[in-house]
Amino acid sequence: MKTFERILVKIAIIQCLFLIITQIFFHKLNAFPELNQISQYEGVTDNNFMELLETFKGK
């Protein structure tokens, strides 16, 4: 059972490393500029916190 747990921990660590590497590749190195345009189009990257607060204040 301990060997199985070791294997699972190693797989989880490797998966986290690959996730971090791909995130850096996609976002920091601007590998696919289309992804940046899509996220801006969807409004995911906008800072809408002030508009949210203004909405609650009742403009």
PDB file of N, CA and C in Angstrom:
ATOM      1  N   MET A   1       0.814  -1.189   0.000  1.00  0.00           N
ATOM      2  CA  MET A   1       0.000   0.000   0.000  1.00  0.00           C
ATOM      3  C   MET A   1       0.862   1.259   0.000  1.00  0.00           C
ATOM      4  N   LYS A   2       1.987   1.228   0.696  1.00  0.00           N
ATOM      5  CA  LYS A   2       2.859   2.398   0.744  1.00  0.00           C
ATOM      6  C   LYS A   2       3.458   2.703  -0.628  1.00  0.00           C
ATOM      7  N   THR A   3       3.772   1.679  -1.395  1.00  0.00           N
ATOM      8  CA  THR A   3       4.324   1.934  -2.727  1.00  0.00           C
ATOM      9  C   THR A   3       3.270   2.586  -3.625  1.00  0.00           C
ATOM     10  N   PHE A   4       2.023   2.161  -3.490  1.00  0.00           N
ATOM     11  CA  PHE A   4       0.944   2.755  -4.271  1.00  0.00           C
ATOM     12  C   PHE A   4       0.751   4.227  -3.899  1.00  0.00           C
ATOM     13  N   GLU A   5       0.838   4.526  -2.605  1.00  0.00           N
ATOM     14  CA  GLU A   5       0.716   5.908  -2.148  1.00  0.00           C
ATOM     15  C   GLU A   5       1.869   6.761  -2.651  1.00  0.00           C
ATOM     16  N   ARG A   6       3.076   6.211  -2.665  1.00  0.00           N
ATOM     17  CA  ARG A   6       4.230   6.937  -3.190  1.00  0.00           C
ATOM     18  C   ARG A   6       4.045   7.256  -4.670  1.00  0.00           C
ATOM     19  N   ILE A   7       3.534   6.279  -5.407  1.00  0.00           N
ATOM     20  CA  ILE A   7       3.303   6.488  -6.831  1.00  0.00           C
ATOM     21  C   ILE A   7       2.258   7.585  -7.041  1.00  0.00           C
ATOM     22  N   LEU A   8       1.191   7.565  -6.260  1.00  0.00           N
ATOM     23  CA  LEU A   8       0.160   8.604  -6.384  1.00  0.00           C
ATOM     24  C   LEU A   8       0.705   9.987  -6.050  1.00  0.00           C
ATOM     25  N   VAL A   9       1.526  10.088  -5.036  1.00  0.00           N
ATOM     26  CA  VAL A   9       2.115  11.377  -4.666  1.00  0.00           C
ATOM     27  C   VAL A   9       3.033  11.868  -5.781  1.00  0.00           C
ATOM     28  N   LYS A  10       3.829  10.983  -6.354  1.00  0.00           N
ATOM     29  CA  LYS A  10       4.719  11.380  -7.450  1.00  0.00           C
ATOM     30  C   LYS A  10       3.919  11.835  -8.662  1.00  0.00           C
ATOM     31  N   ILE A  11       2.839  11.138  -8.972  1.00  0.00           N
ATOM     32  CA  ILE A  11       1.997  11.533 -10.105  1.00  0.00           C
ATOM     33  C   ILE A  11       1.359  12.897  -9.845  1.00  0.00           C
ATOM     34  N   ALA A  12       0.910  13.143  -8.629  1.00  0.00           N
ATOM     35  CA  ALA A  12       0.299  14.431  -8.293  1.00  0.00           C
ATOM     36  C   ALA A  12       1.321  15.566  -8.403  1.00  0.00           C
ATOM     37  N   ILE A  13       2.534  15.337  -7.944  1.00  0.00           N
ATOM     38  CA  ILE A  13       3.576  16.360  -8.023  1.00  0.00           C
ATOM     39  C   ILE A  13       3.931  16.649  -9.474  1.00  0.00           C
ATOM     40  N   ILE A  14       4.078  15.601 -10.276  1.00  0.00           N
ATOM     41  CA  ILE A  14       4.393  15.780 -11.692  1.00  0.00           C
ATOM     42  C   ILE A  14       3.270  16.537 -12.400  1.00  0.00           C
ATOM     43  N   GLN A  15       2.027  16.211 -12.080  1.00  0.00           N
ATOM     44  CA  GLN A  15       0.894  16.892 -12.699  1.00  0.00           C
ATOM     45  C   GLN A  15       0.869  18.371 -12.323  1.00  0.00           C
ATOM     46  N   CYS A  16       1.156  18.698 -11.080  1.00  0.00           N
ATOM     47  CA  CYS A  16       1.213  20.102 -10.659  1.00  0.00           C
ATOM     48  C   CYS A  16       2.329  20.848 -11.380  1.00  0.00           C
ATOM     49  N   LEU A  17       3.475  20.211 -11.543  1.00  0.00           N
ATOM     50  CA  LEU A  17       4.574  20.846 -12.260  1.00  0.00           C
ATOM     51  C   LEU A  17       4.199  21.122 -13.712  1.00  0.00           C
ATOM     52  N   PHE A  18       3.577  20.153 -14.374  1.00  0.00           N
ATOM     53  CA  PHE A  18       3.158  20.366 -15.757  1.00  0.00           C
ATOM     54  C   PHE A  18       2.107  21.465 -15.851  1.00  0.00           C
ATOM     55  N   LEU A  19       1.213  21.551 -14.878  1.00  0.00           N
ATOM     56  CA  LEU A  19       0.210  22.606 -14.869  1.00  0.00           C
ATOM     57  C   LEU A  19       0.863  23.979 -14.765  1.00  0.00           C
ATOM     58  N   ILE A  20       1.823  24.120 -13.875  1.00  0.00           N
ATOM     59  CA  ILE A  20       2.521  25.390 -13.698  1.00  0.00           C
ATOM     60  C   ILE A  20       3.301  25.753 -14.960  1.00  0.00           C
ATOM     61  N   ILE A  21       3.972  24.774 -15.550  1.00  0.00           N
ATOM     62  CA  ILE A  21       4.753  25.030 -16.764  1.00  0.00           C
ATOM     63  C   ILE A  21       3.853  25.472 -17.910  1.00  0.00           C
ATOM     64  N   THR A  22       2.708  24.812 -18.092  1.00  0.00           N
ATOM     65  CA  THR A  22       1.821  25.195 -19.189  1.00  0.00           C
ATOM     66  C   THR A  22       1.180  26.553 -18.944  1.00  0.00           C
ATOM     67  N   GLN A  23       0.863  26.878 -17.686  1.00  0.00           N
ATOM     68  CA  GLN A  23       0.318  28.196 -17.391  1.00  0.00           C
ATOM     69  C   GLN A  23       1.329  29.287 -17.716  1.00  0.00           C
ATOM     70  N   ILE A  24       2.574  29.076 -17.361  1.00  0.00           N
ATOM     71  CA  ILE A  24       3.625  30.039 -17.689  1.00  0.00           C
ATOM     72  C   ILE A  24       3.780  30.142 -19.198  1.00  0.00           C
ATOM     73  N   PHE A  25       3.749  29.004 -19.888  1.00  0.00           N
ATOM     74  CA  PHE A  25       3.898  28.995 -21.337  1.00  0.00           C
ATOM     75  C   PHE A  25       2.774  29.764 -22.010  1.00  0.00           C
ATOM     76  N   PHE A  26       1.537  29.551 -21.576  1.00  0.00           N
ATOM     77  CA  PHE A  26       0.400  30.190 -22.223  1.00  0.00           C
ATOM     78  C   PHE A  26       0.278  31.670 -21.884  1.00  0.00           C
ATOM     79  N   HIS A  27       0.494  32.044 -20.623  1.00  0.00           N
ATOM     80  CA  HIS A  27       0.187  33.396 -20.199  1.00  0.00           C
ATOM     81  C   HIS A  27       1.392  34.334 -20.209  1.00  0.00           C
ATOM     82  N   LYS A  28       2.496  33.896 -19.722  1.00  0.00           N
ATOM     83  CA  LYS A  28       3.644  34.792 -19.605  1.00  0.00           C
ATOM     84  C   LYS A  28       4.407  34.928 -20.913  1.00  0.00           C
ATOM     85  N   LEU A  29       4.549  33.840 -21.648  1.00  0.00           N
ATOM     86  CA  LEU A  29       5.318  33.888 -22.890  1.00  0.00           C
ATOM     87  C   LEU A  29       4.455  34.258 -24.093  1.00  0.00           C
ATOM     88  N   ASN A  30       3.144  34.419 -23.869  1.00  0.00           N
ATOM     89  CA  ASN A  30       2.211  34.814 -24.917  1.00  0.00           C
ATOM     90  C   ASN A  30       2.314  33.873 -26.120  1.00  0.00           C
ATOM     91  N   ALA A  31       2.226  32.579 -25.842  1.00  0.00           N
ATOM     92  CA  ALA A  31       2.361  31.564 -26.884  1.00  0.00           C
ATOM     93  C   ALA A  31       1.211  31.622 -27.875  1.00  0.00           C
ATOM     94  N   PHE A  32      -0.008  31.827 -27.394  1.00  0.00           N
ATOM     95  CA  PHE A  32      -1.173  31.906 -28.258  1.00  0.00           C
ATOM     96  C   PHE A  32      -1.869  33.243 -28.018  1.00  0.00           C
ATOM     97  N   PRO A  33      -1.587  34.246 -28.838  1.00  0.00           N
ATOM     98  CA  PRO A  33      -2.217  35.554 -28.615  1.00  0.00           C
ATOM     99  C   PRO A  33      -3.737  35.506 -28.764  1.00  0.00           C
ATOM    100  N   GLU A  34      -4.254  34.503 -29.464  1.00  0.00           N
ATOM    101  CA  GLU A  34      -5.699  34.375 -29.619  1.00  0.00           C
ATOM    102  C   GLU A  34      -6.373  34.137 -28.269  1.00  0.00           C
ATOM    103  N   LEU A  35      -5.713  33.399 -27.385  1.00  0.00           N
ATOM    104  CA  LEU A  35      -6.272  33.153 -26.061  1.00  0.00           C
ATOM    105  C   LEU A  35      -6.397  34.456 -25.277  1.00  0.00           C
ATOM    106  N   ASN A  36      -5.439  35.337 -25.429  1.00  0.00           N
ATOM    107  CA  ASN A  36      -5.485  36.626 -24.743  1.00  0.00           C
ATOM    108  C   ASN A  36      -6.646  37.455 -25.267  1.00  0.00           C
ATOM    109  N   GLN A  37      -6.841  37.448 -26.578  1.00  0.00           N
ATOM    110  CA  GLN A  37      -7.948  38.203 -27.165  1.00  0.00           C
ATOM    111  C   GLN A  37      -9.289  37.640 -26.722  1.00  0.00           C
ATOM    112  N   ILE A  38      -9.393  36.319 -26.658  1.00  0.00           N
ATOM    113  CA  ILE A  38     -10.653  35.698 -26.243  1.00  0.00           C
ATOM    114  C   ILE A  38     -10.963  36.031 -24.791  1.00  0.00           C
ATOM    115  N   SER A  39      -9.960  35.986 -23.930  1.00  0.00           N
ATOM    116  CA  SER A  39     -10.214  36.290 -22.515  1.00  0.00           C
ATOM    117  C   SER A  39     -10.584  37.759 -22.330  1.00  0.00           C
ATOM    118  N   GLN A  40     -10.009  38.656 -23.131  1.00  0.00           N
ATOM    119  CA  GLN A  40     -10.394  40.063 -23.046  1.00  0.00           C
ATOM    120  C   GLN A  40     -11.800  40.263 -23.587  1.00  0.00           C
ATOM    121  N   TYR A  41     -12.156  39.528 -24.634  1.00  0.00           N
ATOM    122  CA  TYR A  41     -13.496  39.637 -25.207  1.00  0.00           C
ATOM    123  C   TYR A  41     -14.558  39.177 -24.214  1.00  0.00           C
ATOM    124  N   GLU A  42     -14.243  38.120 -23.468  1.00  0.00           N
ATOM    125  CA  GLU A  42     -15.194  37.600 -22.492  1.00  0.00           C
ATOM    126  C   GLU A  42     -15.251  38.455 -21.240  1.00  0.00           C
ATOM    127  N   GLY A  43     -14.278  39.322 -21.043  1.00  0.00           N
ATOM    128  CA  GLY A  43     -14.267  40.192 -19.882  1.00  0.00           C
ATOM    129  C   GLY A  43     -13.697  39.533 -18.646  1.00  0.00           C
ATOM    130  N   VAL A  44     -12.952  38.464 -18.823  1.00  0.00           N
ATOM    131  CA  VAL A  44     -12.390  37.744 -17.687  1.00  0.00           C
ATOM    132  C   VAL A  44     -11.248  38.527 -17.057  1.00  0.00           C
ATOM    133  N   THR A  45     -10.469  39.220 -17.867  1.00  0.00           N
ATOM    134  CA  THR A  45      -9.284  39.893 -17.351  1.00  0.00           C
ATOM    135  C   THR A  45      -9.559  41.319 -16.903  1.00  0.00           C
ATOM    136  N   ASP A  46     -10.753  41.826 -17.154  1.00  0.00           N
ATOM    137  CA  ASP A  46     -11.058  43.202 -16.758  1.00  0.00           C
ATOM    138  C   ASP A  46     -11.189  43.315 -15.251  1.00  0.00           C
ATOM    139  N   ASN A  47     -10.850  44.479 -14.752  1.00  0.00           N
ATOM    140  CA  ASN A  47     -10.987  44.751 -13.333  1.00  0.00           C
ATOM    141  C   ASN A  47     -12.321  45.463 -13.127  1.00  0.00           C
ATOM    142  N   ASN A  48     -13.356  44.717 -12.875  1.00  0.00           N
ATOM    143  CA  ASN A  48     -14.696  45.272 -12.743  1.00  0.00           C
ATOM    144  C   ASN A  48     -15.120  45.422 -11.288  1.00  0.00           C
ATOM    145  N   PHE A  49     -14.177  45.436 -10.377  1.00  0.00           N
ATOM    146  CA  PHE A  49     -14.516  45.487  -8.965  1.00  0.00           C
ATOM    147  C   PHE A  49     -15.176  46.814  -8.598  1.00  0.00           C
ATOM    148  N   MET A  50     -14.678  47.915  -9.158  1.00  0.00           N
ATOM    149  CA  MET A  50     -15.246  49.225  -8.839  1.00  0.00           C
ATOM    150  C   MET A  50     -16.669  49.341  -9.374  1.00  0.00           C
ATOM    151  N   GLU A  51     -16.910  48.813 -10.577  1.00  0.00           N
ATOM    152  CA  GLU A  51     -18.256  48.859 -11.130  1.00  0.00           C
ATOM    153  C   GLU A  51     -19.215  48.039 -10.272  1.00  0.00           C
ATOM    154  N   LEU A  52     -18.710  46.935  -9.717  1.00  0.00           N
ATOM    155  CA  LEU A  52     -19.537  46.101  -8.853  1.00  0.00           C
ATOM    156  C   LEU A  52     -19.910  46.862  -7.588  1.00  0.00           C
ATOM    157  N   LEU A  53     -18.946  47.576  -7.012  1.00  0.00           N
ATOM    158  CA  LEU A  53     -19.219  48.366  -5.807  1.00  0.00           C
ATOM    159  C   LEU A  53     -20.175  49.508  -6.119  1.00  0.00           C
ATOM    160  N   GLU A  54     -19.984  50.152  -7.267  1.00  0.00           N
ATOM    161  CA  GLU A  54     -20.880  51.239  -7.628  1.00  0.00           C
ATOM    162  C   GLU A  54     -22.300  50.748  -7.853  1.00  0.00           C
ATOM    163  N   THR A  55     -22.424  49.526  -8.355  1.00  0.00           N
ATOM    164  CA  THR A  55     -23.758  48.951  -8.567  1.00  0.00           C
ATOM    165  C   THR A  55     -24.449  48.735  -7.233  1.00  0.00           C
ATOM    166  N   PHE A  56     -23.702  48.269  -6.250  1.00  0.00           N
ATOM    167  CA  PHE A  56     -24.316  48.034  -4.943  1.00  0.00           C
ATOM    168  C   PHE A  56     -24.655  49.329  -4.220  1.00  0.00           C
ATOM    169  N   LYS A  57     -23.906  50.397  -4.497  1.00  0.00           N
ATOM    170  CA  LYS A  57     -24.194  51.690  -3.861  1.00  0.00           C
ATOM    171  C   LYS A  57     -25.453  52.315  -4.430  1.00  0.00           C
ATOM    172  N   GLY A  58     -25.843  51.925  -5.624  1.00  0.00           N
ATOM    173  CA  GLY A  58     -27.057  52.445  -6.218  1.00  0.00           C
ATOM    174  C   GLY A  58     -26.858  53.693  -7.042  1.00  0.00           C
ATOM    175  N   LYS A  59     -25.738  53.869  -7.661  1.00  0.00           N
ATOM    176  CA  LYS A  59     -25.374  54.996  -8.534  1.00  0.00           C
ATOM    177  C   LYS A  59     -26.338  56.135  -8.420  1.00  0.00           C
TER     178      LYS A  59
END
